[in-house]
Amino acid sequence: IRMFLSDFQDETILRFGTMDLVRGDYRRYNQSLFEDSGQLENPNTSFEVNAVNIEENENRQPIPYRLPPGVQREQLYQNNTSLRQNEQSLSLSVCDLEPQDARAVYKN
């Protein structure tokens, strides 16, 4: 996993479930994560879910997509051609997340 975090003034705890990051079929979880506590989500929080990959984002700015260390693209051999599989990652962008607030994604 590669993460870029910035502008934290206090110690921050990040919690992750199992990281089965295969394929690009992740979706935003739009239901409340606070049903039992009565807490409301901050409507000003920006939360984007995207996929980035080597074929479309290798020249992206300001941070170009690079293969993670030790990862090699799988090659498929078909007739007279050799194709490389597209290596892809989940991209989450969260801005203005308040303390004790949360956002989530799920996999189909």
PDB file of N, CA and C in Angstrom:
ATOM      1  N   ILE A   1       0.850  -1.168   0.000  1.00  0.00           N
ATOM      2  CA  ILE A   1       0.000   0.000   0.000  1.00  0.00           C
ATOM      3  C   ILE A   1       0.897   1.233   0.000  1.00  0.00           C
ATOM      4  N   ARG A   2       0.531   2.235  -0.767  1.00  0.00           N
ATOM      5  CA  ARG A   2       1.235   3.513  -0.762  1.00  0.00           C
ATOM      6  C   ARG A   2       0.240   4.582  -0.366  1.00  0.00           C
ATOM      7  N   MET A   3       0.604   5.395   0.596  1.00  0.00           N
ATOM      8  CA  MET A   3      -0.305   6.436   1.066  1.00  0.00           C
ATOM      9  C   MET A   3       0.435   7.754   1.142  1.00  0.00           C
ATOM     10  N   PHE A   4      -0.255   8.818   0.782  1.00  0.00           N
ATOM     11  CA  PHE A   4       0.272  10.166   0.903  1.00  0.00           C
ATOM     12  C   PHE A   4      -0.684  10.933   1.798  1.00  0.00           C
ATOM     13  N   LEU A   5      -0.234  11.287   2.982  1.00  0.00           N
ATOM     14  CA  LEU A   5      -1.064  12.000   3.949  1.00  0.00           C
ATOM     15  C   LEU A   5      -0.392  13.322   4.264  1.00  0.00           C
ATOM     16  N   SER A   6      -1.184  14.371   4.478  1.00  0.00           N
ATOM     17  CA  SER A   6      -0.574  15.667   4.750  1.00  0.00           C
ATOM     18  C   SER A   6      -1.454  16.510   5.669  1.00  0.00           C
ATOM     19  N   ASP A   7      -0.832  17.552   6.228  1.00  0.00           N
ATOM     20  CA  ASP A   7      -1.508  18.588   7.018  1.00  0.00           C
ATOM     21  C   ASP A   7      -2.168  18.091   8.301  1.00  0.00           C
ATOM     22  N   PHE A   8      -1.575  17.119   8.959  1.00  0.00           N
ATOM     23  CA  PHE A   8      -2.077  16.674  10.243  1.00  0.00           C
ATOM     24  C   PHE A   8      -1.377  17.476  11.334  1.00  0.00           C
ATOM     25  N   GLN A   9      -2.153  18.008  12.257  1.00  0.00           N
ATOM     26  CA  GLN A   9      -1.567  18.760  13.359  1.00  0.00           C
ATOM     27  C   GLN A   9      -1.385  17.882  14.596  1.00  0.00           C
ATOM     28  N   ASP A  10      -2.193  16.863  14.737  1.00  0.00           N
ATOM     29  CA  ASP A  10      -2.132  15.969  15.888  1.00  0.00           C
ATOM     30  C   ASP A  10      -1.871  14.545  15.424  1.00  0.00           C
ATOM     31  N   GLU A  11      -1.533  13.684  16.381  1.00  0.00           N
ATOM     32  CA  GLU A  11      -1.347  12.270  16.073  1.00  0.00           C
ATOM     33  C   GLU A  11      -2.640  11.720  15.488  1.00  0.00           C
ATOM     34  N   THR A  12      -2.533  10.918  14.426  1.00  0.00           N
ATOM     35  CA  THR A  12      -3.695  10.402  13.718  1.00  0.00           C
ATOM     36  C   THR A  12      -3.611   8.883  13.627  1.00  0.00           C
ATOM     37  N   ILE A  13      -4.727   8.218  13.860  1.00  0.00           N
ATOM     38  CA  ILE A  13      -4.789   6.758  13.786  1.00  0.00           C
ATOM     39  C   ILE A  13      -5.589   6.380  12.547  1.00  0.00           C
ATOM     40  N   LEU A  14      -5.015   5.515  11.714  1.00  0.00           N
ATOM     41  CA  LEU A  14      -5.698   4.998  10.533  1.00  0.00           C
ATOM     42  C   LEU A  14      -5.964   3.521  10.753  1.00  0.00           C
ATOM     43  N   ARG A  15      -7.179   3.085  10.495  1.00  0.00           N
ATOM     44  CA  ARG A  15      -7.525   1.678  10.683  1.00  0.00           C
ATOM     45  C   ARG A  15      -7.943   1.090   9.345  1.00  0.00           C
ATOM     46  N   PHE A  16      -7.469  -0.128   9.064  1.00  0.00           N
ATOM     47  CA  PHE A  16      -7.786  -0.797   7.811  1.00  0.00           C
ATOM     48  C   PHE A  16      -8.315  -2.190   8.093  1.00  0.00           C
ATOM     49  N   GLY A  17      -9.264  -2.606   7.265  1.00  0.00           N
ATOM     50  CA  GLY A  17      -9.710  -3.988   7.300  1.00  0.00           C
ATOM     51  C   GLY A  17      -8.783  -4.801   6.408  1.00  0.00           C
ATOM     52  N   THR A  18      -9.223  -5.945   5.988  1.00  0.00           N
ATOM     53  CA  THR A  18      -8.379  -6.733   5.094  1.00  0.00           C
ATOM     54  C   THR A  18      -8.196  -5.980   3.792  1.00  0.00           C
ATOM     55  N   MET A  19      -7.012  -6.038   3.265  1.00  0.00           N
ATOM     56  CA  MET A  19      -6.680  -5.281   2.070  1.00  0.00           C
ATOM     57  C   MET A  19      -6.647  -6.215   0.855  1.00  0.00           C
ATOM     58  N   ASP A  20      -7.815  -6.634   0.398  1.00  0.00           N
ATOM     59  CA  ASP A  20      -7.925  -7.465  -0.795  1.00  0.00           C
ATOM     60  C   ASP A  20      -8.116  -6.553  -1.995  1.00  0.00           C
ATOM     61  N   LEU A  21      -7.067  -5.832  -2.354  1.00  0.00           N
ATOM     62  CA  LEU A  21      -7.160  -4.835  -3.419  1.00  0.00           C
ATOM     63  C   LEU A  21      -6.958  -5.483  -4.782  1.00  0.00           C
ATOM     64  N   VAL A  22      -7.962  -6.215  -5.212  1.00  0.00           N
ATOM     65  CA  VAL A  22      -7.904  -6.875  -6.508  1.00  0.00           C
ATOM     66  C   VAL A  22      -9.033  -6.317  -7.359  1.00  0.00           C
ATOM     67  N   ARG A  23      -8.704  -5.964  -8.584  1.00  0.00           N
ATOM     68  CA  ARG A  23      -9.648  -5.375  -9.528  1.00  0.00           C
ATOM     69  C   ARG A  23     -10.025  -3.964  -9.104  1.00  0.00           C
ATOM     70  N   GLY A  24     -10.840  -3.306  -9.890  1.00  0.00           N
ATOM     71  CA  GLY A  24     -11.176  -1.916  -9.627  1.00  0.00           C
ATOM     72  C   GLY A  24     -12.646  -1.708  -9.348  1.00  0.00           C
ATOM     73  N   ASP A  25     -13.296  -2.671  -8.722  1.00  0.00           N
ATOM     74  CA  ASP A  25     -14.740  -2.576  -8.527  1.00  0.00           C
ATOM     75  C   ASP A  25     -15.118  -2.143  -7.108  1.00  0.00           C
ATOM     76  N   TYR A  26     -14.500  -1.063  -6.630  1.00  0.00           N
ATOM     77  CA  TYR A  26     -14.831  -0.514  -5.322  1.00  0.00           C
ATOM     78  C   TYR A  26     -15.841   0.604  -5.476  1.00  0.00           C
ATOM     79  N   ARG A  27     -16.726   0.731  -4.502  1.00  0.00           N
ATOM     80  CA  ARG A  27     -17.749   1.770  -4.515  1.00  0.00           C
ATOM     81  C   ARG A  27     -17.770   2.483  -3.170  1.00  0.00           C
ATOM     82  N   ARG A  28     -18.264   3.728  -3.202  1.00  0.00           N
ATOM     83  CA  ARG A  28     -18.442   4.479  -1.963  1.00  0.00           C
ATOM     84  C   ARG A  28     -19.525   3.816  -1.133  1.00  0.00           C
ATOM     85  N   TYR A  29     -19.307   3.772   0.169  1.00  0.00           N
ATOM     86  CA  TYR A  29     -20.349   3.316   1.070  1.00  0.00           C
ATOM     87  C   TYR A  29     -21.155   4.544   1.451  1.00  0.00           C
ATOM     88  N   ASN A  30     -22.406   4.636   0.988  1.00  0.00           N
ATOM     89  CA  ASN A  30     -23.210   5.840   1.166  1.00  0.00           C
ATOM     90  C   ASN A  30     -24.118   5.817   2.380  1.00  0.00           C
ATOM     91  N   GLN A  31     -24.194   4.695   3.072  1.00  0.00           N
ATOM     92  CA  GLN A  31     -25.009   4.633   4.279  1.00  0.00           C
ATOM     93  C   GLN A  31     -24.240   5.233   5.457  1.00  0.00           C
ATOM     94  N   SER A  32     -24.952   5.579   6.506  1.00  0.00           N
ATOM     95  CA  SER A  32     -24.306   6.158   7.682  1.00  0.00           C
ATOM     96  C   SER A  32     -23.481   5.100   8.409  1.00  0.00           C
ATOM     97  N   LEU A  33     -22.298   5.502   8.843  1.00  0.00           N
ATOM     98  CA  LEU A  33     -21.455   4.622   9.664  1.00  0.00           C
ATOM     99  C   LEU A  33     -21.715   4.867  11.146  1.00  0.00           C
ATOM    100  N   PHE A  34     -22.663   5.759  11.457  1.00  0.00           N
ATOM    101  CA  PHE A  34     -22.897   6.176  12.843  1.00  0.00           C
ATOM    102  C   PHE A  34     -24.332   5.938  13.294  1.00  0.00           C
ATOM    103  N   GLU A  35     -25.015   4.948  12.761  1.00  0.00           N
ATOM    104  CA  GLU A  35     -26.419   4.720  13.093  1.00  0.00           C
ATOM    105  C   GLU A  35     -26.665   4.549  14.585  1.00  0.00           C
ATOM    106  N   ASP A  36     -25.796   3.823  15.277  1.00  0.00           N
ATOM    107  CA  ASP A  36     -26.019   3.531  16.689  1.00  0.00           C
ATOM    108  C   ASP A  36     -25.607   4.675  17.611  1.00  0.00           C
ATOM    109  N   SER A  37     -24.702   5.540  17.171  1.00  0.00           N
ATOM    110  CA  SER A  37     -24.173   6.571  18.060  1.00  0.00           C
ATOM    111  C   SER A  37     -24.929   7.889  17.983  1.00  0.00           C
ATOM    112  N   GLY A  38     -25.752   8.089  16.953  1.00  0.00           N
ATOM    113  CA  GLY A  38     -26.461   9.347  16.804  1.00  0.00           C
ATOM    114  C   GLY A  38     -25.601  10.449  16.208  1.00  0.00           C
ATOM    115  N   GLN A  39     -24.322  10.174  15.929  1.00  0.00           N
ATOM    116  CA  GLN A  39     -23.420  11.161  15.333  1.00  0.00           C
ATOM    117  C   GLN A  39     -23.762  11.337  13.858  1.00  0.00           C
ATOM    118  N   LEU A  40     -23.638  12.567  13.368  1.00  0.00           N
ATOM    119  CA  LEU A  40     -23.909  12.850  11.966  1.00  0.00           C
ATOM    120  C   LEU A  40     -22.610  13.054  11.210  1.00  0.00           C
ATOM    121  N   GLU A  41     -22.596  12.652   9.948  1.00  0.00           N
ATOM    122  CA  GLU A  41     -21.422  12.859   9.112  1.00  0.00           C
ATOM    123  C   GLU A  41     -21.336  14.328   8.697  1.00  0.00           C
ATOM    124  N   ASN A  42     -20.129  14.823   8.550  1.00  0.00           N
ATOM    125  CA  ASN A  42     -19.908  16.190   8.106  1.00  0.00           C
ATOM    126  C   ASN A  42     -20.224  16.293   6.614  1.00  0.00           C
ATOM    127  N   PRO A  43     -21.217  17.090   6.205  1.00  0.00           N
ATOM    128  CA  PRO A  43     -21.554  17.189   4.778  1.00  0.00           C
ATOM    129  C   PRO A  43     -20.489  17.919   3.954  1.00  0.00           C
ATOM    130  N   ASN A  44     -19.555  18.614   4.602  1.00  0.00           N
ATOM    131  CA  ASN A  44     -18.513  19.351   3.888  1.00  0.00           C
ATOM    132  C   ASN A  44     -17.295  18.489   3.553  1.00  0.00           C
ATOM    133  N   THR A  45     -17.294  17.232   3.996  1.00  0.00           N
ATOM    134  CA  THR A  45     -16.178  16.345   3.711  1.00  0.00           C
ATOM    135  C   THR A  45     -16.219  15.895   2.258  1.00  0.00           C
ATOM    136  N   SER A  46     -15.115  16.089   1.568  1.00  0.00           N
ATOM    137  CA  SER A  46     -14.986  15.637   0.183  1.00  0.00           C
ATOM    138  C   SER A  46     -14.392  14.234   0.193  1.00  0.00           C
ATOM    139  N   PHE A  47     -15.036  13.297  -0.512  1.00  0.00           N
ATOM    140  CA  PHE A  47     -14.594  11.897  -0.522  1.00  0.00           C
ATOM    141  C   PHE A  47     -14.735  11.350  -1.933  1.00  0.00           C
ATOM    142  N   GLU A  48     -13.611  11.048  -2.571  1.00  0.00           N
ATOM    143  CA  GLU A  48     -13.611  10.543  -3.938  1.00  0.00           C
ATOM    144  C   GLU A  48     -12.957   9.167  -3.998  1.00  0.00           C
ATOM    145  N   VAL A  49     -13.549   8.282  -4.784  1.00  0.00           N
ATOM    146  CA  VAL A  49     -13.023   6.937  -4.982  1.00  0.00           C
ATOM    147  C   VAL A  49     -12.713   6.783  -6.471  1.00  0.00           C
ATOM    148  N   ASN A  50     -11.482   6.442  -6.777  1.00  0.00           N
ATOM    149  CA  ASN A  50     -11.059   6.272  -8.167  1.00  0.00           C
ATOM    150  C   ASN A  50     -10.123   5.079  -8.278  1.00  0.00           C
ATOM    151  N   ALA A  51      -9.818   4.723  -9.481  1.00  0.00           N
ATOM    152  CA  ALA A  51      -8.790   3.721  -9.750  1.00  0.00           C
ATOM    153  C   ALA A  51      -7.702   4.404 -10.568  1.00  0.00           C
ATOM    154  N   VAL A  52      -6.460   4.116 -10.248  1.00  0.00           N
ATOM    155  CA  VAL A  52      -5.336   4.613 -11.043  1.00  0.00           C
ATOM    156  C   VAL A  52      -4.585   3.411 -11.569  1.00  0.00           C
ATOM    157  N   ASN A  53      -4.048   3.554 -12.777  1.00  0.00           N
ATOM    158  CA  ASN A  53      -3.344   2.419 -13.355  1.00  0.00           C
ATOM    159  C   ASN A  53      -2.148   2.895 -14.164  1.00  0.00           C
ATOM    160  N   ILE A  54      -1.286   1.967 -14.471  1.00  0.00           N
ATOM    161  CA  ILE A  54      -0.033   2.279 -15.149  1.00  0.00           C
ATOM    162  C   ILE A  54      -0.257   2.774 -16.570  1.00  0.00           C
ATOM    163  N   GLU A  55      -1.255   2.280 -17.260  1.00  0.00           N
ATOM    164  CA  GLU A  55      -1.461   2.658 -18.652  1.00  0.00           C
ATOM    165  C   GLU A  55      -2.038   4.059 -18.809  1.00  0.00           C
ATOM    166  N   GLU A  56      -2.907   4.482 -17.901  1.00  0.00           N
ATOM    167  CA  GLU A  56      -3.546   5.789 -18.028  1.00  0.00           C
ATOM    168  C   GLU A  56      -2.884   6.875 -17.185  1.00  0.00           C
ATOM    169  N   ASN A  57      -2.139   6.500 -16.147  1.00  0.00           N
ATOM    170  CA  ASN A  57      -1.654   7.487 -15.192  1.00  0.00           C
ATOM    171  C   ASN A  57      -0.148   7.514 -15.001  1.00  0.00           C
ATOM    172  N   GLU A  58       0.619   6.937 -15.903  1.00  0.00           N
ATOM    173  CA  GLU A  58       2.059   6.907 -15.697  1.00  0.00           C
ATOM    174  C   GLU A  58       2.696   8.284 -15.864  1.00  0.00           C
ATOM    175  N   ASN A  59       2.011   9.220 -16.528  1.00  0.00           N
ATOM    176  CA  ASN A  59       2.519  10.585 -16.679  1.00  0.00           C
ATOM    177  C   ASN A  59       1.690  11.603 -15.893  1.00  0.00           C
ATOM    178  N   ARG A  60       0.871  11.130 -14.968  1.00  0.00           N
ATOM    179  CA  ARG A  60       0.008  12.003 -14.167  1.00  0.00           C
ATOM    180  C   ARG A  60       0.840  12.954 -13.327  1.00  0.00           C
ATOM    181  N   GLN A  61       0.326  14.168 -13.115  1.00  0.00           N
ATOM    182  CA  GLN A  61       0.994  15.158 -12.270  1.00  0.00           C
ATOM    183  C   GLN A  61       0.075  15.546 -11.129  1.00  0.00           C
ATOM    184  N   PRO A  62       0.511  15.807  -9.934  1.00  0.00           N
ATOM    185  CA  PRO A  62       1.903  15.961  -9.538  1.00  0.00           C
ATOM    186  C   PRO A  62       2.583  14.647  -9.168  1.00  0.00           C
ATOM    187  N   ILE A  63       1.808  13.572  -8.989  1.00  0.00           N
ATOM    188  CA  ILE A  63       2.405  12.293  -8.602  1.00  0.00           C
ATOM    189  C   ILE A  63       2.106  11.269  -9.682  1.00  0.00           C
ATOM    190  N   PRO A  64       3.088  10.922 -10.515  1.00  0.00           N
ATOM    191  CA  PRO A  64       2.845   9.918 -11.559  1.00  0.00           C
ATOM    192  C   PRO A  64       2.708   8.521 -10.943  1.00  0.00           C
ATOM    193  N   TYR A  65       1.918   7.692 -11.585  1.00  0.00           N
ATOM    194  CA  TYR A  65       1.736   6.325 -11.091  1.00  0.00           C
ATOM    195  C   TYR A  65       2.943   5.482 -11.477  1.00  0.00           C
ATOM    196  N   ARG A  66       3.482   4.775 -10.518  1.00  0.00           N
ATOM    197  CA  ARG A  66       4.606   3.867 -10.735  1.00  0.00           C
ATOM    198  C   ARG A  66       4.251   2.491 -10.184  1.00  0.00           C
ATOM    199  N   LEU A  67       4.835   1.476 -10.755  1.00  0.00           N
ATOM    200  CA  LEU A  67       4.618   0.127 -10.237  1.00  0.00           C
ATOM    201  C   LEU A  67       5.197   0.024  -8.832  1.00  0.00           C
ATOM    202  N   PRO A  68       4.484  -0.616  -7.921  1.00  0.00           N
ATOM    203  CA  PRO A  68       5.039  -0.834  -6.581  1.00  0.00           C
ATOM    204  C   PRO A  68       6.285  -1.698  -6.654  1.00  0.00           C
ATOM    205  N   PRO A  69       7.208  -1.549  -5.707  1.00  0.00           N
ATOM    206  CA  PRO A  69       8.422  -2.370  -5.711  1.00  0.00           C
ATOM    207  C   PRO A  69       8.092  -3.859  -5.702  1.00  0.00           C
ATOM    208  N   GLY A  70       8.750  -4.601  -6.555  1.00  0.00           N
ATOM    209  CA  GLY A  70       8.560  -6.048  -6.612  1.00  0.00           C
ATOM    210  C   GLY A  70       7.405  -6.513  -7.477  1.00  0.00           C
ATOM    211  N   VAL A  71       6.604  -5.595  -8.001  1.00  0.00           N
ATOM    212  CA  VAL A  71       5.459  -5.971  -8.841  1.00  0.00           C
ATOM    213  C   VAL A  71       5.889  -5.979 -10.303  1.00  0.00           C
ATOM    214  N   GLN A  72       5.575  -7.055 -10.985  1.00  0.00           N
ATOM    215  CA  GLN A  72       5.857  -7.160 -12.413  1.00  0.00           C
ATOM    216  C   GLN A  72       4.537  -7.387 -13.141  1.00  0.00           C
ATOM    217  N   ARG A  73       4.353  -6.678 -14.224  1.00  0.00           N
ATOM    218  CA  ARG A  73       3.122  -6.825 -14.992  1.00  0.00           C
ATOM    219  C   ARG A  73       3.089  -8.190 -15.675  1.00  0.00           C
ATOM    220  N   GLU A  74       1.964  -8.866 -15.546  1.00  0.00           N
ATOM    221  CA  GLU A  74       1.787 -10.172 -16.165  1.00  0.00           C
ATOM    222  C   GLU A  74       1.682 -10.016 -17.676  1.00  0.00           C
ATOM    223  N   GLN A  75       2.294 -10.933 -18.392  1.00  0.00           N
ATOM    224  CA  GLN A  75       2.227 -10.904 -19.854  1.00  0.00           C
ATOM    225  C   GLN A  75       1.293 -11.988 -20.359  1.00  0.00           C
ATOM    226  N   LEU A  76       0.447 -11.603 -21.312  1.00  0.00           N
ATOM    227  CA  LEU A  76      -0.457 -12.541 -21.968  1.00  0.00           C
ATOM    228  C   LEU A  76       0.035 -12.741 -23.394  1.00  0.00           C
ATOM    229  N   TYR A  77       0.143 -13.983 -23.782  1.00  0.00           N
ATOM    230  CA  TYR A  77       0.611 -14.300 -25.134  1.00  0.00           C
ATOM    231  C   TYR A  77      -0.571 -14.756 -25.971  1.00  0.00           C
ATOM    232  N   GLN A  78      -0.893 -13.994 -27.025  1.00  0.00           N
ATOM    233  CA  GLN A  78      -2.017 -14.308 -27.899  1.00  0.00           C
ATOM    234  C   GLN A  78      -1.544 -14.281 -29.348  1.00  0.00           C
ATOM    235  N   ASN A  79      -1.789 -15.325 -30.052  1.00  0.00           N
ATOM    236  CA  ASN A  79      -1.402 -15.448 -31.459  1.00  0.00           C
ATOM    237  C   ASN A  79       0.017 -14.925 -31.676  1.00  0.00           C
ATOM    238  N   ASN A  80       0.157 -13.823 -32.381  1.00  0.00           N
ATOM    239  CA  ASN A  80       1.484 -13.275 -32.666  1.00  0.00           C
ATOM    240  C   ASN A  80       1.800 -12.042 -31.828  1.00  0.00           C
ATOM    241  N   THR A  81       1.032 -11.787 -30.784  1.00  0.00           N
ATOM    242  CA  THR A  81       1.247 -10.593 -29.971  1.00  0.00           C
ATOM    243  C   THR A  81       1.482 -10.950 -28.511  1.00  0.00           C
ATOM    244  N   SER A  82       2.122 -10.054 -27.818  1.00  0.00           N
ATOM    245  CA  SER A  82       2.348 -10.189 -26.388  1.00  0.00           C
ATOM    246  C   SER A  82       1.774  -8.947 -25.715  1.00  0.00           C
ATOM    247  N   LEU A  83       0.798  -9.129 -24.828  1.00  0.00           N
ATOM    248  CA  LEU A  83       0.149  -8.018 -24.134  1.00  0.00           C
ATOM    249  C   LEU A  83       0.523  -8.040 -22.661  1.00  0.00           C
ATOM    250  N   ARG A  84       0.679  -6.858 -22.082  1.00  0.00           N
ATOM    251  CA  ARG A  84       0.925  -6.758 -20.641  1.00  0.00           C
ATOM    252  C   ARG A  84      -0.367  -6.369 -19.938  1.00  0.00           C
ATOM    253  N   GLN A  85      -0.652  -7.024 -18.816  1.00  0.00           N
ATOM    254  CA  GLN A  85      -1.820  -6.691 -18.022  1.00  0.00           C
ATOM    255  C   GLN A  85      -1.643  -5.283 -17.435  1.00  0.00           C
ATOM    256  N   ASN A  86      -2.733  -4.594 -17.238  1.00  0.00           N
ATOM    257  CA  ASN A  86      -2.715  -3.249 -16.680  1.00  0.00           C
ATOM    258  C   ASN A  86      -2.715  -3.337 -15.153  1.00  0.00           C
ATOM    259  N   GLU A  87      -1.652  -2.873 -14.505  1.00  0.00           N
ATOM    260  CA  GLU A  87      -1.560  -2.887 -13.044  1.00  0.00           C
ATOM    261  C   GLU A  87      -2.347  -1.693 -12.523  1.00  0.00           C
ATOM    262  N   GLN A  88      -3.215  -1.913 -11.522  1.00  0.00           N
ATOM    263  CA  GLN A  88      -4.148  -0.883 -11.081  1.00  0.00           C
ATOM    264  C   GLN A  88      -4.229  -0.829  -9.565  1.00  0.00           C
ATOM    265  N   SER A  89      -4.516   0.369  -9.028  1.00  0.00           N
ATOM    266  CA  SER A  89      -4.649   0.566  -7.582  1.00  0.00           C
ATOM    267  C   SER A  89      -5.878   1.393  -7.259  1.00  0.00           C
ATOM    268  N   LEU A  90      -6.343   1.245  -6.040  1.00  0.00           N
ATOM    269  CA  LEU A  90      -7.459   2.024  -5.520  1.00  0.00           C
ATOM    270  C   LEU A  90      -6.926   3.375  -5.060  1.00  0.00           C
ATOM    271  N   SER A  91      -7.627   4.451  -5.411  1.00  0.00           N
ATOM    272  CA  SER A  91      -7.239   5.803  -5.007  1.00  0.00           C
ATOM    273  C   SER A  91      -8.382   6.421  -4.216  1.00  0.00           C
ATOM    274  N   LEU A  92      -8.099   6.824  -2.977  1.00  0.00           N
ATOM    275  CA  LEU A  92      -9.083   7.498  -2.135  1.00  0.00           C
ATOM    276  C   LEU A  92      -8.593   8.910  -1.859  1.00  0.00           C
ATOM    277  N   SER A  93      -9.472   9.874  -2.019  1.00  0.00           N
ATOM    278  CA  SER A  93      -9.132  11.264  -1.724  1.00  0.00           C
ATOM    279  C   SER A  93     -10.163  11.783  -0.733  1.00  0.00           C
ATOM    280  N   VAL A  94      -9.700  12.152   0.472  1.00  0.00           N
ATOM    281  CA  VAL A  94     -10.585  12.627   1.528  1.00  0.00           C
ATOM    282  C   VAL A  94     -10.087  13.982   2.004  1.00  0.00           C
ATOM    283  N   CYS A  95     -10.954  14.992   1.970  1.00  0.00           N
ATOM    284  CA  CYS A  95     -10.591  16.334   2.437  1.00  0.00           C
ATOM    285  C   CYS A  95     -11.607  16.805   3.468  1.00  0.00           C
ATOM    286  N   ASP A  96     -11.135  17.524   4.466  1.00  0.00           N
ATOM    287  CA  ASP A  96     -11.962  18.099   5.534  1.00  0.00           C
ATOM    288  C   ASP A  96     -12.689  17.034   6.357  1.00  0.00           C
ATOM    289  N   LEU A  97     -12.013  15.951   6.642  1.00  0.00           N
ATOM    290  CA  LEU A  97     -12.586  14.910   7.505  1.00  0.00           C
ATOM    291  C   LEU A  97     -12.443  15.368   8.960  1.00  0.00           C
ATOM    292  N   GLU A  98     -13.560  15.482   9.648  1.00  0.00           N
ATOM    293  CA  GLU A  98     -13.567  15.949  11.033  1.00  0.00           C
ATOM    294  C   GLU A  98     -13.144  14.835  11.992  1.00  0.00           C
ATOM    295  N   PRO A  99     -12.651  15.195  13.188  1.00  0.00           N
ATOM    296  CA  PRO A  99     -12.335  14.170  14.194  1.00  0.00           C
ATOM    297  C   PRO A  99     -13.574  13.316  14.505  1.00  0.00           C
ATOM    298  N   GLN A 100     -13.370  12.037  14.676  1.00  0.00           N
ATOM    299  CA  GLN A 100     -14.413  11.053  14.974  1.00  0.00           C
ATOM    300  C   GLN A 100     -15.359  10.799  13.797  1.00  0.00           C
ATOM    301  N   ASP A 101     -15.101  11.383  12.617  1.00  0.00           N
ATOM    302  CA  ASP A 101     -15.899  11.140  11.420  1.00  0.00           C
ATOM    303  C   ASP A 101     -15.253   9.989  10.653  1.00  0.00           C
ATOM    304  N   ALA A 102     -15.950   9.415   9.690  1.00  0.00           N
ATOM    305  CA  ALA A 102     -15.407   8.276   8.940  1.00  0.00           C
ATOM    306  C   ALA A 102     -16.031   8.227   7.551  1.00  0.00           C
ATOM    307  N   ARG A 103     -15.304   7.622   6.626  1.00  0.00           N
ATOM    308  CA  ARG A 103     -15.805   7.324   5.287  1.00  0.00           C
ATOM    309  C   ARG A 103     -15.355   5.922   4.942  1.00  0.00           C
ATOM    310  N   ALA A 104     -16.055   5.271   4.007  1.00  0.00           N
ATOM    311  CA  ALA A 104     -15.725   3.875   3.693  1.00  0.00           C
ATOM    312  C   ALA A 104     -16.002   3.569   2.235  1.00  0.00           C
ATOM    313  N   VAL A 105     -15.351   2.530   1.744  1.00  0.00           N
ATOM    314  CA  VAL A 105     -15.617   1.952   0.430  1.00  0.00           C
ATOM    315  C   VAL A 105     -15.876   0.471   0.622  1.00  0.00           C
ATOM    316  N   TYR A 106     -16.522  -0.132  -0.341  1.00  0.00           N
ATOM    317  CA  TYR A 106     -16.728  -1.580  -0.298  1.00  0.00           C
ATOM    318  C   TYR A 106     -16.500  -2.149  -1.680  1.00  0.00           C
ATOM    319  N   LYS A 107     -16.263  -3.420  -1.703  1.00  0.00           N
ATOM    320  CA  LYS A 107     -15.973  -4.129  -2.946  1.00  0.00           C
ATOM    321  C   LYS A 107     -17.205  -4.942  -3.340  1.00  0.00           C
ATOM    322  N   ASN A 108     -17.573  -4.869  -4.621  1.00  0.00           N
ATOM    323  CA  ASN A 108     -18.716  -5.647  -5.113  1.00  0.00           C
ATOM    324  C   ASN A 108     -18.483  -7.123  -4.920  1.00  0.00           C
TER     325      ASN A 108
END
